[in-house]
N, C-alpha and C. Protein backbone atom coordinates (compact mmCIF):
# COMPACT_ATOMS: atom_id res chain seq x y z
N UNK A 1 18.11 16.20 -36.08
CA UNK A 1 19.24 17.14 -35.87
C UNK A 1 19.78 17.24 -34.15
N UNK A 2 20.90 16.92 -33.87
CA UNK A 2 21.15 17.29 -32.81
C UNK A 2 22.20 18.42 -32.50
N UNK A 3 22.53 18.99 -31.22
CA UNK A 3 23.40 19.82 -31.14
C UNK A 3 24.44 19.73 -31.63
N UNK A 4 25.43 18.85 -31.84
CA UNK A 4 26.39 18.75 -32.39
C UNK A 4 26.38 19.64 -34.03
N UNK A 5 25.67 18.91 -34.57
CA UNK A 5 25.28 19.21 -35.75
C UNK A 5 24.56 20.62 -36.27
N UNK A 6 23.80 21.31 -35.07
CA UNK A 6 23.34 22.61 -34.91
C UNK A 6 24.88 23.71 -35.02
N UNK A 7 25.45 23.40 -33.86
CA UNK A 7 26.73 24.31 -33.67
C UNK A 7 27.25 23.96 -34.71
N UNK A 8 27.88 22.81 -35.17
CA UNK A 8 28.47 22.61 -36.49
C UNK A 8 28.08 23.52 -37.56
N UNK A 9 27.05 23.58 -37.90
CA UNK A 9 26.55 24.43 -38.95
C UNK A 9 27.20 24.22 -40.63
N UNK A 10 27.08 22.58 -40.53
CA UNK A 10 27.37 22.21 -42.07
C UNK A 10 28.70 22.74 -42.31
N UNK A 11 29.80 22.96 -41.60
CA UNK A 11 31.04 23.60 -41.79
C UNK A 11 31.28 24.91 -41.93
N UNK A 12 29.87 25.59 -41.50
CA UNK A 12 30.08 27.13 -41.56
C UNK A 12 30.29 27.75 -40.32
N UNK A 13 30.56 26.58 -39.43
CA UNK A 13 30.27 26.90 -37.82
C UNK A 13 31.33 28.48 -37.29
N UNK A 14 32.70 28.30 -38.28
CA UNK A 14 34.04 29.48 -37.56
C UNK A 14 33.26 30.54 -38.32
N UNK A 15 32.48 30.58 -39.36
CA UNK A 15 31.98 31.77 -39.78
C UNK A 15 31.22 32.65 -39.26
N UNK A 16 29.71 31.59 -39.31
CA UNK A 16 28.60 31.88 -38.28
C UNK A 16 29.16 32.41 -36.67
N UNK A 17 29.59 31.60 -36.17
CA UNK A 17 29.99 32.12 -34.73
C UNK A 17 30.93 32.99 -34.69
N UNK A 18 32.01 32.98 -35.24
CA UNK A 18 32.97 34.28 -35.69
C UNK A 18 32.08 35.66 -35.91
N UNK A 19 31.29 35.54 -36.55
CA UNK A 19 30.58 36.72 -37.08
C UNK A 19 29.34 37.23 -35.76
N UNK A 20 28.91 36.37 -34.92
CA UNK A 20 28.28 36.40 -33.98
C UNK A 20 29.03 36.73 -33.07
N UNK A 21 30.26 36.42 -32.78
CA UNK A 21 30.98 36.77 -31.50
C UNK A 21 31.53 37.98 -31.88
N UNK A 22 31.90 38.26 -33.40
CA UNK A 22 32.46 40.27 -33.82
C UNK A 22 31.11 41.09 -33.09
N UNK A 23 30.12 40.77 -33.74
CA UNK A 23 28.96 41.86 -33.37
C UNK A 23 28.77 41.97 -32.21
N UNK A 24 28.78 40.84 -31.18
CA UNK A 24 28.81 41.17 -29.70
C UNK A 24 29.68 41.95 -29.15
N UNK A 25 31.14 41.65 -29.69
CA UNK A 25 32.18 42.27 -29.10
C UNK A 25 31.85 43.88 -29.64
N UNK A 26 31.57 44.18 -30.68
CA UNK A 26 31.19 45.42 -31.22
C UNK A 26 30.22 46.09 -30.35
N UNK A 27 29.11 45.15 -30.12
CA UNK A 27 28.03 45.96 -28.68
C UNK A 27 28.46 46.01 -28.00
N UNK A 28 29.39 45.40 -27.12
CA UNK A 28 29.93 45.86 -25.75
C UNK A 28 31.07 47.02 -25.71
N UNK A 29 31.85 47.18 -26.72
CA UNK A 29 32.87 48.21 -27.25
C UNK A 29 31.64 49.25 -26.73
N UNK A 30 30.73 49.39 -27.62
CA UNK A 30 29.94 50.73 -28.13
C UNK A 30 29.30 51.20 -26.78
N UNK A 31 29.20 50.24 -26.03
CA UNK A 31 27.97 50.43 -25.21
C UNK A 31 29.21 51.25 -23.83
N UNK A 32 30.29 50.54 -23.89
CA UNK A 32 31.28 51.12 -23.13
C UNK A 32 31.90 52.23 -23.49
N UNK A 33 32.13 52.73 -24.63
CA UNK A 33 32.55 54.09 -25.35
C UNK A 33 31.15 55.28 -25.07
N UNK A 34 29.79 54.61 -25.41
CA UNK A 34 29.02 55.49 -25.00
C UNK A 34 28.56 55.89 -23.38
N UNK A 35 29.38 54.92 -22.65
CA UNK A 35 29.14 55.40 -21.16
C UNK A 35 30.29 56.39 -20.95
N UNK A 36 31.45 56.12 -21.45
CA UNK A 36 32.72 56.75 -21.40
C UNK A 36 32.45 58.45 -21.88
N UNK A 37 31.93 58.49 -23.05
CA UNK A 37 31.24 59.83 -23.45
C UNK A 37 30.52 60.49 -22.68
N UNK A 38 29.35 59.76 -22.24
CA UNK A 38 28.61 60.65 -21.16
C UNK A 38 29.44 60.80 -20.05
N UNK A 39 29.94 60.31 -19.68
CA UNK A 39 30.85 60.89 -18.16
C UNK A 39 31.69 62.11 -18.20
N UNK A 40 32.37 61.74 -19.87
CA UNK A 40 33.03 63.24 -20.03
C UNK A 40 32.20 64.43 -20.20
N UNK A 41 31.11 64.22 -20.47
CA UNK A 41 30.70 65.31 -21.32
C UNK A 41 29.73 65.76 -19.83
N UNK A 42 29.23 65.02 -18.69
CA UNK A 42 28.61 65.31 -17.55
C UNK A 42 29.73 66.24 -16.76
N UNK A 43 31.11 65.53 -16.96
CA UNK A 43 32.42 66.63 -16.03
C UNK A 43 32.20 67.68 -17.00
N UNK A 44 32.17 67.80 -18.37
CA UNK A 44 32.54 69.31 -19.14
C UNK A 44 31.38 70.16 -18.40
N UNK A 45 30.07 69.64 -18.62
CA UNK A 45 28.93 70.57 -18.02
C UNK A 45 29.18 70.94 -16.41
N UNK A 46 29.57 70.10 -15.99
CA UNK A 46 29.32 70.76 -14.38
C UNK A 46 30.69 71.70 -14.22
N UNK A 47 31.86 71.44 -15.12
CA UNK A 47 33.23 72.65 -15.16
C UNK A 47 32.37 74.09 -15.66
N UNK A 48 31.80 73.61 -16.44
CA UNK A 48 31.43 75.08 -17.03
C UNK A 48 30.25 75.39 -16.32
N UNK A 49 29.46 75.04 -15.43
CA UNK A 49 28.55 75.31 -14.65
C UNK A 49 29.31 75.90 -13.64
N UNK A 50 30.60 75.47 -12.70
CA UNK A 50 31.01 75.92 -11.66
C UNK A 50 31.89 77.55 -12.23
N UNK A 51 32.17 77.10 -13.61
CA UNK A 51 33.05 78.25 -13.76
C UNK A 51 32.14 79.54 -14.27
N UNK A 52 30.99 79.09 -14.54
CA UNK A 52 29.92 80.12 -14.21
C UNK A 52 29.66 80.89 -13.32
N UNK A 53 29.79 80.26 -12.06
CA UNK A 53 29.25 80.57 -10.82
C UNK A 53 30.26 81.49 -10.02
N UNK A 54 31.73 81.33 -10.70
CA UNK A 54 32.85 81.62 -9.93
C UNK A 54 32.89 83.38 -10.71
N UNK A 55 32.31 83.78 -11.95
CA UNK A 55 32.33 85.09 -12.57
C UNK A 55 31.36 85.93 -11.87
């Protein structure tokens, strides 16, 4: 078996590699969204902390 046969996967290459690609894309998007939500949560906590100091 050579590399060409491995990547062709007996005609199922588009499905297999497409599935891996979609999974990777979803993982990357999830990581970006989690970081963004964390940033927003930290900003909200800082605003609440600062609002509490003013009173």
